[in-house]
PDB file of all heavy atoms in Angstrom:
ATOM      1  N   ILE A   1       0.836  -1.318  -0.066  1.00  0.00           N
ATOM      2  CA  ILE A   1      -0.068  -0.034  -0.007  1.00  0.00           C
ATOM      3  C   ILE A   1       0.885   1.255   0.031  1.00  0.00           C
ATOM      4  O   ILE A   1       0.711   2.155  -0.683  1.00  0.00           O
ATOM      5  CB  ILE A   1      -1.018  -0.028   1.246  1.00  0.00           C
ATOM      6  CG1 ILE A   1      -2.033  -1.044   0.905  1.00  0.00           C
ATOM      7  CG2 ILE A   1      -1.515   1.391   1.419  1.00  0.00           C
ATOM      8  CD1 ILE A   1      -2.945  -1.172   2.197  1.00  0.00           C
ATOM      9  N   HIS A   2       1.846   1.249   0.846  1.00  0.00           N
ATOM     10  CA  HIS A   2       2.769   2.546   1.001  1.00  0.00           C
ATOM     11  C   HIS A   2       3.520   2.581  -0.229  1.00  0.00           C
ATOM     12  O   HIS A   2       3.691   3.663  -0.687  1.00  0.00           O
ATOM     13  CB  HIS A   2       3.528   2.430   2.245  1.00  0.00           C
ATOM     14  CG  HIS A   2       2.797   2.687   3.453  1.00  0.00           C
ATOM     15  ND1 HIS A   2       3.323   2.694   4.772  1.00  0.00           N
ATOM     16  CD2 HIS A   2       1.442   2.925   3.624  1.00  0.00           C
ATOM     17  CE1 HIS A   2       2.362   3.103   5.567  1.00  0.00           C
ATOM     18  NE2 HIS A   2       1.257   3.266   4.879  1.00  0.00           N
ATOM     19  N   ALA A   3       4.153   1.486  -0.798  1.00  0.00           N
ATOM     20  CA  ALA A   3       4.998   1.479  -1.996  1.00  0.00           C
ATOM     21  C   ALA A   3       4.345   1.936  -3.249  1.00  0.00           C
ATOM     22  O   ALA A   3       4.808   2.792  -3.933  1.00  0.00           O
ATOM     23  CB  ALA A   3       5.571   0.060  -2.210  1.00  0.00           C
ATOM     24  N   LYS A   4       3.075   1.428  -3.299  1.00  0.00           N
ATOM     25  CA  LYS A   4       2.220   1.949  -4.516  1.00  0.00           C
ATOM     26  C   LYS A   4       1.470   3.080  -4.345  1.00  0.00           C
ATOM     27  O   LYS A   4       0.707   3.677  -5.190  1.00  0.00           O
ATOM     28  CB  LYS A   4       1.403   0.764  -4.979  1.00  0.00           C
ATOM     29  CG  LYS A   4       2.195  -0.409  -5.440  1.00  0.00           C
ATOM     30  CD  LYS A   4       1.189  -1.647  -6.029  1.00  0.00           C
ATOM     31  CE  LYS A   4       1.918  -2.695  -6.585  1.00  0.00           C
ATOM     32  NZ  LYS A   4       0.967  -3.754  -7.244  1.00  0.00           N
ATOM     33  N   ARG A   5       1.465   3.632  -3.068  1.00  0.00           N
ATOM     34  CA  ARG A   5       0.737   4.993  -2.846  1.00  0.00           C
ATOM     35  C   ARG A   5      -0.871   4.660  -2.997  1.00  0.00           C
ATOM     36  O   ARG A   5      -1.548   5.508  -3.575  1.00  0.00           O
ATOM     37  CB  ARG A   5       1.237   6.069  -3.500  1.00  0.00           C
ATOM     38  CG  ARG A   5       2.726   6.303  -3.240  1.00  0.00           C
ATOM     39  CD  ARG A   5       3.336   7.667  -3.734  1.00  0.00           C
ATOM     40  NE  ARG A   5       2.507   8.849  -3.412  1.00  0.00           N
ATOM     41  CZ  ARG A   5       2.421   9.588  -2.253  1.00  0.00           C
ATOM     42  NH1 ARG A   5       3.156   9.094  -1.208  1.00  0.00           N
ATOM     43  NH2 ARG A   5       1.765  10.687  -2.180  1.00  0.00           N
ATOM     44  N   LEU A   6      -1.416   3.590  -2.559  1.00  0.00           N
ATOM     45  CA  LEU A   6      -2.870   3.203  -2.622  1.00  0.00           C
ATOM     46  C   LEU A   6      -3.489   3.969  -1.501  1.00  0.00           C
ATOM     47  O   LEU A   6      -3.101   4.147  -0.418  1.00  0.00           O
ATOM     48  CB  LEU A   6      -2.939   1.683  -2.435  1.00  0.00           C
ATOM     49  CG  LEU A   6      -2.316   0.724  -3.569  1.00  0.00           C
ATOM     50  CD1 LEU A   6      -2.562  -0.628  -3.160  1.00  0.00           C
ATOM     51  CD2 LEU A   6      -2.738   1.130  -5.001  1.00  0.00           C
ATOM     52  N   MET A   7      -4.744   4.232  -1.848  1.00  0.00           N
ATOM     53  CA  MET A   7      -5.548   4.855  -0.789  1.00  0.00           C
ATOM     54  C   MET A   7      -6.043   3.934   0.289  1.00  0.00           C
ATOM     55  O   MET A   7      -6.465   2.867  -0.006  1.00  0.00           O
ATOM     56  CB  MET A   7      -6.875   5.661  -1.417  1.00  0.00           C
ATOM     57  CG  MET A   7      -6.382   6.857  -2.302  1.00  0.00           C
ATOM     58  SD  MET A   7      -7.894   7.818  -2.979  1.00  0.00           S
ATOM     59  CE  MET A   7      -8.261   6.599  -4.305  1.00  0.00           C
ATOM     60  N   HIS A   8      -5.901   4.427   1.568  1.00  0.00           N
ATOM     61  CA  HIS A   8      -6.279   3.587   2.756  1.00  0.00           C
ATOM     62  C   HIS A   8      -6.878   4.510   3.834  1.00  0.00           C
ATOM     63  O   HIS A   8      -7.011   5.760   3.591  1.00  0.00           O
ATOM     64  CB  HIS A   8      -5.171   2.605   3.105  1.00  0.00           C
ATOM     65  CG  HIS A   8      -3.800   3.461   3.306  1.00  0.00           C
ATOM     66  ND1 HIS A   8      -3.084   4.036   2.454  1.00  0.00           N
ATOM     67  CD2 HIS A   8      -3.195   3.482   4.510  1.00  0.00           C
ATOM     68  CE1 HIS A   8      -1.931   4.591   2.904  1.00  0.00           C
ATOM     69  NE2 HIS A   8      -1.987   4.199   4.316  1.00  0.00           N
ATOM     70  N   ARG A   9      -7.058   3.955   4.987  1.00  0.00           N
ATOM     71  CA  ARG A   9      -7.565   4.802   5.994  1.00  0.00           C
ATOM     72  C   ARG A   9      -6.651   4.888   7.365  1.00  0.00           C
ATOM     73  O   ARG A   9      -5.888   3.986   7.607  1.00  0.00           O
ATOM     74  CB  ARG A   9      -8.940   4.043   6.426  1.00  0.00           C
ATOM     75  CG  ARG A   9      -9.944   4.133   5.409  1.00  0.00           C
ATOM     76  CD  ARG A   9     -11.188   3.211   5.862  1.00  0.00           C
ATOM     77  NE  ARG A   9     -12.246   3.412   4.933  1.00  0.00           N
ATOM     78  CZ  ARG A   9     -13.406   2.668   5.000  1.00  0.00           C
ATOM     79  NH1 ARG A   9     -13.517   1.733   5.907  1.00  0.00           N
ATOM     80  NH2 ARG A   9     -14.280   2.982   4.100  1.00  0.00           N
ATOM     81  N   ALA A  10      -6.793   6.015   8.020  1.00  0.00           N
ATOM     82  CA  ALA A  10      -6.078   6.328   9.196  1.00  0.00           C
ATOM     83  C   ALA A  10      -6.903   7.131  10.210  1.00  0.00           C
ATOM     84  O   ALA A  10      -7.947   7.772   9.735  1.00  0.00           O
ATOM     85  CB  ALA A  10      -4.710   6.937   8.955  1.00  0.00           C
ATOM     86  N   VAL A  11      -6.410   7.202  11.467  1.00  0.00           N
ATOM     87  CA  VAL A  11      -7.078   8.077  12.360  1.00  0.00           C
ATOM     88  C   VAL A  11      -6.017   8.821  13.035  1.00  0.00           C
ATOM     89  O   VAL A  11      -4.776   8.439  13.207  1.00  0.00           O
ATOM     90  CB  VAL A  11      -7.864   7.219  13.455  1.00  0.00           C
ATOM     91  CG1 VAL A  11      -9.114   6.655  12.847  1.00  0.00           C
ATOM     92  CG2 VAL A  11      -7.084   6.311  14.328  1.00  0.00           C
ATOM     93  N   HIS A  12      -6.377  10.068  13.560  1.00  0.00           N
ATOM     94  CA  HIS A  12      -5.592  10.837  14.451  1.00  0.00           C
ATOM     95  C   HIS A  12      -6.285  11.281  15.619  1.00  0.00           C
ATOM     96  O   HIS A  12      -7.508  11.708  15.397  1.00  0.00           O
ATOM     97  CB  HIS A  12      -4.987  11.985  13.668  1.00  0.00           C
ATOM     98  CG  HIS A  12      -3.807  11.760  12.976  1.00  0.00           C
ATOM     99  ND1 HIS A  12      -2.552  12.115  13.140  1.00  0.00           N
ATOM    100  CD2 HIS A  12      -3.659  10.997  11.738  1.00  0.00           C
ATOM    101  CE1 HIS A  12      -1.752  11.850  12.348  1.00  0.00           C
ATOM    102  NE2 HIS A  12      -2.325  11.142  11.339  1.00  0.00           N
ATOM    103  N   VAL A  13      -5.763  11.110  16.805  1.00  0.00           N
ATOM    104  CA  VAL A  13      -6.564  11.464  18.103  1.00  0.00           C
ATOM    105  C   VAL A  13      -5.681  12.681  18.699  1.00  0.00           C
ATOM    106  O   VAL A  13      -4.519  12.447  18.934  1.00  0.00           O
ATOM    107  CB  VAL A  13      -6.629  10.375  19.121  1.00  0.00           C
ATOM    108  CG1 VAL A  13      -7.505  10.813  20.270  1.00  0.00           C
ATOM    109  CG2 VAL A  13      -7.476   9.188  18.360  1.00  0.00           C
ATOM    110  N   LEU A  14      -6.428  13.779  19.121  1.00  0.00           N
ATOM    111  CA  LEU A  14      -5.912  14.791  19.773  1.00  0.00           C
ATOM    112  C   LEU A  14      -6.340  14.778  21.223  1.00  0.00           C
ATOM    113  O   LEU A  14      -7.564  14.871  21.559  1.00  0.00           O
ATOM    114  CB  LEU A  14      -6.347  16.179  19.190  1.00  0.00           C
ATOM    115  CG  LEU A  14      -6.052  16.281  17.757  1.00  0.00           C
ATOM    116  CD1 LEU A  14      -6.560  17.658  17.161  1.00  0.00           C
ATOM    117  CD2 LEU A  14      -4.545  16.186  17.425  1.00  0.00           C
ATOM    118  N   LEU A  15      -5.496  14.470  22.127  1.00  0.00           N
ATOM    119  CA  LEU A  15      -5.787  14.300  23.510  1.00  0.00           C
ATOM    120  C   LEU A  15      -5.477  15.581  24.274  1.00  0.00           C
ATOM    121  O   LEU A  15      -4.379  16.025  24.333  1.00  0.00           O
ATOM    122  CB  LEU A  15      -4.962  13.093  24.186  1.00  0.00           C
ATOM    123  CG  LEU A  15      -5.094  12.798  25.671  1.00  0.00           C
ATOM    124  CD1 LEU A  15      -6.465  12.505  26.053  1.00  0.00           C
ATOM    125  CD2 LEU A  15      -4.050  11.870  26.046  1.00  0.00           C
ATOM    126  N   PHE A  16      -6.457  16.202  25.013  1.00  0.00           N
ATOM    127  CA  PHE A  16      -6.249  17.296  25.789  1.00  0.00           C
ATOM    128  C   PHE A  16      -6.543  16.930  27.215  1.00  0.00           C
ATOM    129  O   PHE A  16      -7.330  16.110  27.584  1.00  0.00           O
ATOM    130  CB  PHE A  16      -7.218  18.377  25.390  1.00  0.00           C
ATOM    131  CG  PHE A  16      -6.976  18.992  23.934  1.00  0.00           C
ATOM    132  CD1 PHE A  16      -7.494  18.386  22.867  1.00  0.00           C
ATOM    133  CD2 PHE A  16      -6.231  20.148  23.881  1.00  0.00           C
ATOM    134  CE1 PHE A  16      -7.194  18.865  21.720  1.00  0.00           C
ATOM    135  CE2 PHE A  16      -6.012  20.654  22.471  1.00  0.00           C
ATOM    136  CZ  PHE A  16      -6.559  20.018  21.402  1.00  0.00           C
ATOM    137  N   ASN A  17      -5.875  17.798  28.205  1.00  0.00           N
ATOM    138  CA  ASN A  17      -6.127  17.626  29.515  1.00  0.00           C
ATOM    139  C   ASN A  17      -6.924  18.837  30.005  1.00  0.00           C
ATOM    140  O   ASN A  17      -7.258  19.731  29.227  1.00  0.00           O
ATOM    141  CB  ASN A  17      -4.858  17.522  30.392  1.00  0.00           C
ATOM    142  CG  ASN A  17      -3.924  18.691  30.401  1.00  0.00           C
ATOM    143  OD1 ASN A  17      -4.375  19.789  29.969  1.00  0.00           O
ATOM    144  ND2 ASN A  17      -2.788  18.485  30.539  1.00  0.00           N
ATOM    145  N   SER A  18      -7.420  18.770  31.323  1.00  0.00           N
ATOM    146  CA  SER A  18      -8.188  19.923  31.877  1.00  0.00           C
ATOM    147  C   SER A  18      -7.550  21.238  31.945  1.00  0.00           C
ATOM    148  O   SER A  18      -8.239  22.242  32.037  1.00  0.00           O
ATOM    149  CB  SER A  18      -8.758  19.489  33.232  1.00  0.00           C
ATOM    150  OG  SER A  18      -7.671  19.213  34.183  1.00  0.00           O
ATOM    151  N   GLU A  19      -6.217  21.321  31.744  1.00  0.00           N
ATOM    152  CA  GLU A  19      -5.507  22.535  31.761  1.00  0.00           C
ATOM    153  C   GLU A  19      -5.499  23.164  30.353  1.00  0.00           C
ATOM    154  O   GLU A  19      -4.909  24.311  30.134  1.00  0.00           O
ATOM    155  CB  GLU A  19      -4.042  22.234  32.170  1.00  0.00           C
ATOM    156  CG  GLU A  19      -3.779  21.695  33.459  1.00  0.00           C
ATOM    157  CD  GLU A  19      -4.332  22.675  34.754  1.00  0.00           C
ATOM    158  OE1 GLU A  19      -4.039  23.879  34.596  1.00  0.00           O
ATOM    159  OE2 GLU A  19      -4.969  22.179  35.605  1.00  0.00           O
ATOM    160  N   GLY A  20      -5.950  22.419  29.294  1.00  0.00           N
ATOM    161  CA  GLY A  20      -6.042  22.849  27.954  1.00  0.00           C
ATOM    162  C   GLY A  20      -4.867  22.398  27.188  1.00  0.00           C
ATOM    163  O   GLY A  20      -4.802  22.990  26.050  1.00  0.00           O
ATOM    164  N   GLU A  21      -4.111  21.704  27.787  1.00  0.00           N
ATOM    165  CA  GLU A  21      -2.789  21.231  26.931  1.00  0.00           C
ATOM    166  C   GLU A  21      -3.069  20.034  26.083  1.00  0.00           C
ATOM    167  O   GLU A  21      -3.949  19.338  26.420  1.00  0.00           O
ATOM    168  CB  GLU A  21      -1.705  20.830  28.036  1.00  0.00           C
ATOM    169  CG  GLU A  21      -1.094  21.882  28.901  1.00  0.00           C
ATOM    170  CD  GLU A  21      -0.327  21.332  29.961  1.00  0.00           C
ATOM    171  OE1 GLU A  21      -0.696  20.480  30.621  1.00  0.00           O
ATOM    172  OE2 GLU A  21       0.787  21.948  30.163  1.00  0.00           O
ATOM    173  N   ILE A  22      -2.331  19.936  25.015  1.00  0.00           N
ATOM    174  CA  ILE A  22      -2.496  18.722  24.148  1.00  0.00           C
ATOM    175  C   ILE A  22      -1.314  17.944  24.339  1.00  0.00           C
ATOM    176  O   ILE A  22      -0.240  18.393  24.535  1.00  0.00           O
ATOM    177  CB  ILE A  22      -2.618  19.197  22.681  1.00  0.00           C
ATOM    178  CG1 ILE A  22      -2.773  17.790  21.740  1.00  0.00           C
ATOM    179  CG2 ILE A  22      -1.554  20.199  22.117  1.00  0.00           C
ATOM    180  CD1 ILE A  22      -3.069  18.261  20.322  1.00  0.00           C
ATOM    181  N   TYR A  23      -1.440  16.599  24.246  1.00  0.00           N
ATOM    182  CA  TYR A  23      -0.303  15.658  24.492  1.00  0.00           C
ATOM    183  C   TYR A  23       0.176  15.376  22.987  1.00  0.00           C
ATOM    184  O   TYR A  23      -0.622  15.067  22.097  1.00  0.00           O
ATOM    185  CB  TYR A  23      -0.772  14.313  25.119  1.00  0.00           C
ATOM    186  CG  TYR A  23       0.224  13.427  25.267  1.00  0.00           C
ATOM    187  CD1 TYR A  23       1.113  13.621  26.447  1.00  0.00           C
ATOM    188  CD2 TYR A  23       0.624  12.453  24.520  1.00  0.00           C
ATOM    189  CE1 TYR A  23       2.197  12.772  26.750  1.00  0.00           C
ATOM    190  CE2 TYR A  23       1.679  11.630  24.709  1.00  0.00           C
ATOM    191  CZ  TYR A  23       2.444  11.685  25.812  1.00  0.00           C
ATOM    192  OH  TYR A  23       3.581  10.883  26.088  1.00  0.00           O
ATOM    193  N   LEU A  24       1.513  15.532  22.866  1.00  0.00           N
ATOM    194  CA  LEU A  24       2.171  15.103  21.470  1.00  0.00           C
ATOM    195  C   LEU A  24       2.960  14.080  21.775  1.00  0.00           C
ATOM    196  O   LEU A  24       3.602  13.894  22.774  1.00  0.00           O
ATOM    197  CB  LEU A  24       3.028  16.363  21.146  1.00  0.00           C
ATOM    198  CG  LEU A  24       2.331  17.696  20.731  1.00  0.00           C
ATOM    199  CD1 LEU A  24       3.410  18.638  20.118  1.00  0.00           C
ATOM    200  CD2 LEU A  24       1.220  17.406  19.661  1.00  0.00           C
ATOM    201  N   GLN A  25       3.111  13.092  20.838  1.00  0.00           N
ATOM    202  CA  GLN A  25       3.997  12.082  20.824  1.00  0.00           C
ATOM    203  C   GLN A  25       5.105  12.252  19.843  1.00  0.00           C
ATOM    204  O   GLN A  25       4.873  12.814  18.897  1.00  0.00           O
ATOM    205  CB  GLN A  25       3.290  10.652  20.516  1.00  0.00           C
ATOM    206  CG  GLN A  25       2.850  10.599  19.119  1.00  0.00           C
ATOM    207  CD  GLN A  25       2.558   9.072  18.589  1.00  0.00           C
ATOM    208  OE1 GLN A  25       3.618   8.482  18.270  1.00  0.00           O
ATOM    209  NE2 GLN A  25       1.339   8.570  18.774  1.00  0.00           N
ATOM    210  N   LYS A  26       6.366  11.782  20.266  1.00  0.00           N
ATOM    211  CA  LYS A  26       7.390  11.730  19.368  1.00  0.00           C
ATOM    212  C   LYS A  26       7.590  10.400  18.696  1.00  0.00           C
ATOM    213  O   LYS A  26       7.813   9.483  19.587  1.00  0.00           O
ATOM    214  CB  LYS A  26       8.690  12.270  19.960  1.00  0.00           C
ATOM    215  CG  LYS A  26       9.962  12.530  18.939  1.00  0.00           C
ATOM    216  CD  LYS A  26      11.084  13.208  19.586  1.00  0.00           C
ATOM    217  CE  LYS A  26      12.066  13.482  18.509  1.00  0.00           C
ATOM    218  NZ  LYS A  26      13.141  14.364  19.165  1.00  0.00           N
ATOM    219  N   ARG A  27       7.363  10.175  17.520  1.00  0.00           N
ATOM    220  CA  ARG A  27       7.366   8.850  16.882  1.00  0.00           C
ATOM    221  C   ARG A  27       8.716   8.073  17.051  1.00  0.00           C
ATOM    222  O   ARG A  27       9.707   8.726  16.901  1.00  0.00           O
ATOM    223  CB  ARG A  27       7.061   8.954  15.434  1.00  0.00           C
ATOM    224  CG  ARG A  27       5.643   9.636  15.154  1.00  0.00           C
ATOM    225  CD  ARG A  27       5.335   9.892  13.784  1.00  0.00           C
ATOM    226  NE  ARG A  27       5.503   8.700  12.837  1.00  0.00           N
ATOM    227  CZ  ARG A  27       4.482   7.816  12.669  1.00  0.00           C
ATOM    228  NH1 ARG A  27       3.346   8.019  13.231  1.00  0.00           N
ATOM    229  NH2 ARG A  27       4.571   6.775  11.851  1.00  0.00           N
ATOM    230  N   SER A  28       8.545   6.854  17.259  1.00  0.00           N
ATOM    231  CA  SER A  28       9.762   5.826  17.568  1.00  0.00           C
ATOM    232  C   SER A  28      10.626   5.887  16.281  1.00  0.00           C
ATOM    233  O   SER A  28      10.079   6.210  15.145  1.00  0.00           O
ATOM    234  CB  SER A  28       9.343   4.601  17.865  1.00  0.00           C
ATOM    235  OG  SER A  28      10.333   3.646  17.626  1.00  0.00           O
ATOM    236  N   MET A  29      11.902   5.787  16.411  1.00  0.00           N
ATOM    237  CA  MET A  29      12.765   5.551  15.195  1.00  0.00           C
ATOM    238  C   MET A  29      12.367   4.329  14.424  1.00  0.00           C
ATOM    239  O   MET A  29      13.067   4.025  13.454  1.00  0.00           O
ATOM    240  CB  MET A  29      14.304   5.767  15.720  1.00  0.00           C
ATOM    241  CG  MET A  29      14.602   7.063  16.229  1.00  0.00           C
ATOM    242  SD  MET A  29      14.191   8.416  15.066  1.00  0.00           S
ATOM    243  CE  MET A  29      15.435   8.244  13.816  1.00  0.00           C
ATOM    244  N   GLU A  30      11.663   3.479  15.102  1.00  0.00           N
ATOM    245  CA  GLU A  30      11.345   2.133  14.422  1.00  0.00           C
ATOM    246  C   GLU A  30      10.178   2.230  13.398  1.00  0.00           C
ATOM    247  O   GLU A  30       9.870   1.389  12.595  1.00  0.00           O
ATOM    248  CB  GLU A  30      10.832   1.131  15.465  1.00  0.00           C
ATOM    249  CG  GLU A  30      11.929   0.814  16.484  1.00  0.00           C
ATOM    250  CD  GLU A  30      11.373  -0.260  17.564  1.00  0.00           C
ATOM    251  OE1 GLU A  30      10.303  -0.879  17.337  1.00  0.00           O
ATOM    252  OE2 GLU A  30      11.967  -0.155  18.683  1.00  0.00           O
ATOM    253  N   LYS A  31       9.513   3.420  13.426  1.00  0.00           N
ATOM    254  CA  LYS A  31       8.473   3.740  12.508  1.00  0.00           C
ATOM    255  C   LYS A  31       8.913   3.806  11.055  1.00  0.00           C
ATOM    256  O   LYS A  31       9.976   4.275  10.779  1.00  0.00           O
ATOM    257  CB  LYS A  31       7.639   4.898  12.871  1.00  0.00           C
ATOM    258  CG  LYS A  31       7.123   5.042  14.364  1.00  0.00           C
ATOM    259  CD  LYS A  31       6.146   3.882  14.614  1.00  0.00           C
ATOM    260  CE  LYS A  31       4.706   4.435  14.349  1.00  0.00           C
ATOM    261  NZ  LYS A  31       3.644   3.476  14.608  1.00  0.00           N
ATOM    262  N   ASP A  32       8.018   3.240  10.202  1.00  0.00           N
ATOM    263  CA  ASP A  32       8.482   3.283   8.747  1.00  0.00           C
ATOM    264  C   ASP A  32       8.013   4.691   8.230  1.00  0.00           C
ATOM    265  O   ASP A  32       8.614   4.941   6.953  1.00  0.00           O
ATOM    266  CB  ASP A  32       7.761   2.134   7.838  1.00  0.00           C
ATOM    267  CG  ASP A  32       6.180   2.174   7.890  1.00  0.00           C
ATOM    268  OD1 ASP A  32       5.636   2.923   8.843  1.00  0.00           O
ATOM    269  OD2 ASP A  32       5.613   1.465   7.128  1.00  0.00           O
ATOM    270  N   ALA A  33       7.285   5.427   8.757  1.00  0.00           N
ATOM    271  CA  ALA A  33       6.926   6.731   8.273  1.00  0.00           C
ATOM    272  C   ALA A  33       7.182   7.872   9.239  1.00  0.00           C
ATOM    273  O   ALA A  33       6.853   7.630  10.489  1.00  0.00           O
ATOM    274  CB  ALA A  33       5.493   6.827   7.746  1.00  0.00           C
ATOM    275  N   ALA A  34       7.791   8.912   8.934  1.00  0.00           N
ATOM    276  CA  ALA A  34       8.065  10.044   9.914  1.00  0.00           C
ATOM    277  C   ALA A  34       8.742   9.669  11.153  1.00  0.00           C
ATOM    278  O   ALA A  34       8.295  10.053  12.147  1.00  0.00           O
ATOM    279  CB  ALA A  34       6.764  10.835  10.101  1.00  0.00           C
ATOM    280  N   PRO A  35       9.703   8.790  11.127  1.00  0.00           N
ATOM    281  CA  PRO A  35      10.535   8.433  12.401  1.00  0.00           C
ATOM    282  C   PRO A  35      11.126   9.647  13.108  1.00  0.00           C
ATOM    283  O   PRO A  35      11.614  10.387  12.373  1.00  0.00           O
ATOM    284  CB  PRO A  35      11.470   7.396  11.981  1.00  0.00           C
ATOM    285  CG  PRO A  35      11.840   7.731  10.620  1.00  0.00           C
ATOM    286  CD  PRO A  35      10.542   8.191  10.070  1.00  0.00           C
ATOM    287  N   GLY A  36      10.982   9.619  14.442  1.00  0.00           N
ATOM    288  CA  GLY A  36      11.534  10.757  15.123  1.00  0.00           C
ATOM    289  C   GLY A  36      10.819  12.058  15.020  1.00  0.00           C
ATOM    290  O   GLY A  36      11.280  13.106  15.569  1.00  0.00           O
ATOM    291  N   LYS A  37       9.614  12.135  14.345  1.00  0.00           N
ATOM    292  CA  LYS A  37       8.942  13.468  14.248  1.00  0.00           C
ATOM    293  C   LYS A  37       7.813  13.461  15.357  1.00  0.00           C
ATOM    294  O   LYS A  37       7.217  12.475  15.802  1.00  0.00           O
ATOM    295  CB  LYS A  37       8.184  13.478  12.879  1.00  0.00           C
ATOM    296  CG  LYS A  37       9.180  13.337  11.747  1.00  0.00           C
ATOM    297  CD  LYS A  37      10.039  14.563  11.582  1.00  0.00           C
ATOM    298  CE  LYS A  37      10.879  14.475  10.334  1.00  0.00           C
ATOM    299  NZ  LYS A  37      11.731  15.599  10.033  1.00  0.00           N
ATOM    300  N   TRP A  38       7.414  14.778  15.795  1.00  0.00           N
ATOM    301  CA  TRP A  38       6.364  14.912  16.591  1.00  0.00           C
ATOM    302  C   TRP A  38       5.039  14.744  15.828  1.00  0.00           C
ATOM    303  O   TRP A  38       4.944  15.147  14.718  1.00  0.00           O
ATOM    304  CB  TRP A  38       6.504  16.261  17.268  1.00  0.00           C
ATOM    305  CG  TRP A  38       7.612  16.502  18.291  1.00  0.00           C
ATOM    306  CD1 TRP A  38       8.841  16.906  17.976  1.00  0.00           C
ATOM    307  CD2 TRP A  38       7.636  16.098  19.612  1.00  0.00           C
ATOM    308  NE1 TRP A  38       9.561  16.780  19.184  1.00  0.00           N
ATOM    309  CE2 TRP A  38       8.902  16.276  20.077  1.00  0.00           C
ATOM    310  CE3 TRP A  38       6.587  15.395  20.412  1.00  0.00           C
ATOM    311  CZ2 TRP A  38       9.248  15.907  21.390  1.00  0.00           C
ATOM    312  CZ3 TRP A  38       6.955  15.025  21.753  1.00  0.00           C
ATOM    313  CH2 TRP A  38       8.125  15.391  22.207  1.00  0.00           C
ATOM    314  N   ASP A  39       4.086  14.210  16.538  1.00  0.00           N
ATOM    315  CA  ASP A  39       2.743  13.831  15.821  1.00  0.00           C
ATOM    316  C   ASP A  39       1.692  13.989  16.907  1.00  0.00           C
ATOM    317  O   ASP A  39       1.849  14.270  18.044  1.00  0.00           O
ATOM    318  CB  ASP A  39       2.927  12.403  15.462  1.00  0.00           C
ATOM    319  CG  ASP A  39       2.012  11.970  14.289  1.00  0.00           C
ATOM    320  OD1 ASP A  39       1.131  12.837  13.783  1.00  0.00           O
ATOM    321  OD2 ASP A  39       2.181  10.749  13.790  1.00  0.00           O
ATOM    322  N   SER A  40       0.459  13.680  16.354  1.00  0.00           N
ATOM    323  CA  SER A  40      -0.689  13.707  17.172  1.00  0.00           C
ATOM    324  C   SER A  40      -0.607  12.750  18.376  1.00  0.00           C
ATOM    325  O   SER A  40       0.251  11.903  18.455  1.00  0.00           O
ATOM    326  CB  SER A  40      -1.901  13.142  16.312  1.00  0.00           C
ATOM    327  OG  SER A  40      -2.235  13.838  15.236  1.00  0.00           O
ATOM    328  N   SER A  41      -1.480  12.938  19.330  1.00  0.00           N
ATOM    329  CA  SER A  41      -1.361  12.119  20.539  1.00  0.00           C
ATOM    330  C   SER A  41      -1.390  10.701  20.344  1.00  0.00           C
ATOM    331  O   SER A  41      -0.581   9.918  20.859  1.00  0.00           O
ATOM    332  CB  SER A  41      -2.590  12.543  21.407  1.00  0.00           C
ATOM    333  OG  SER A  41      -2.744  13.945  21.641  1.00  0.00           O
ATOM    334  N   ALA A  42      -2.214  10.269  19.321  1.00  0.00           N
ATOM    335  CA  ALA A  42      -2.247   8.856  18.935  1.00  0.00           C
ATOM    336  C   ALA A  42      -2.717   8.817  17.521  1.00  0.00           C
ATOM    337  O   ALA A  42      -3.535   9.631  17.240  1.00  0.00           O
ATOM    338  CB  ALA A  42      -3.152   8.025  19.826  1.00  0.00           C
ATOM    339  N   SER A  43      -2.178   7.855  16.783  1.00  0.00           N
ATOM    340  CA  SER A  43      -2.602   7.805  15.252  1.00  0.00           C
ATOM    341  C   SER A  43      -2.275   6.400  14.783  1.00  0.00           C
ATOM    342  O   SER A  43      -1.578   5.650  15.453  1.00  0.00           O
ATOM    343  CB  SER A  43      -1.948   8.832  14.501  1.00  0.00           C
ATOM    344  OG  SER A  43      -0.556   8.673  14.565  1.00  0.00           O
ATOM    345  N   GLY A  44      -2.954   5.940  13.698  1.00  0.00           N
ATOM    346  CA  GLY A  44      -2.627   4.678  13.109  1.00  0.00           C
ATOM    347  C   GLY A  44      -3.642   4.302  12.069  1.00  0.00           C
ATOM    348  O   GLY A  44      -4.621   4.927  11.727  1.00  0.00           O
TER     349      GLY A  44
END
């Protein structure tokens, strides 16, 4: 799918706390896309 750039589906979740802050994750270097980049709270 990724090699042929076929259309597929994903989700992104923005997690906020009661202080109004958003949680960001820094993607693992093991990830095949955007390793080491800051991203949504959760995605997949």
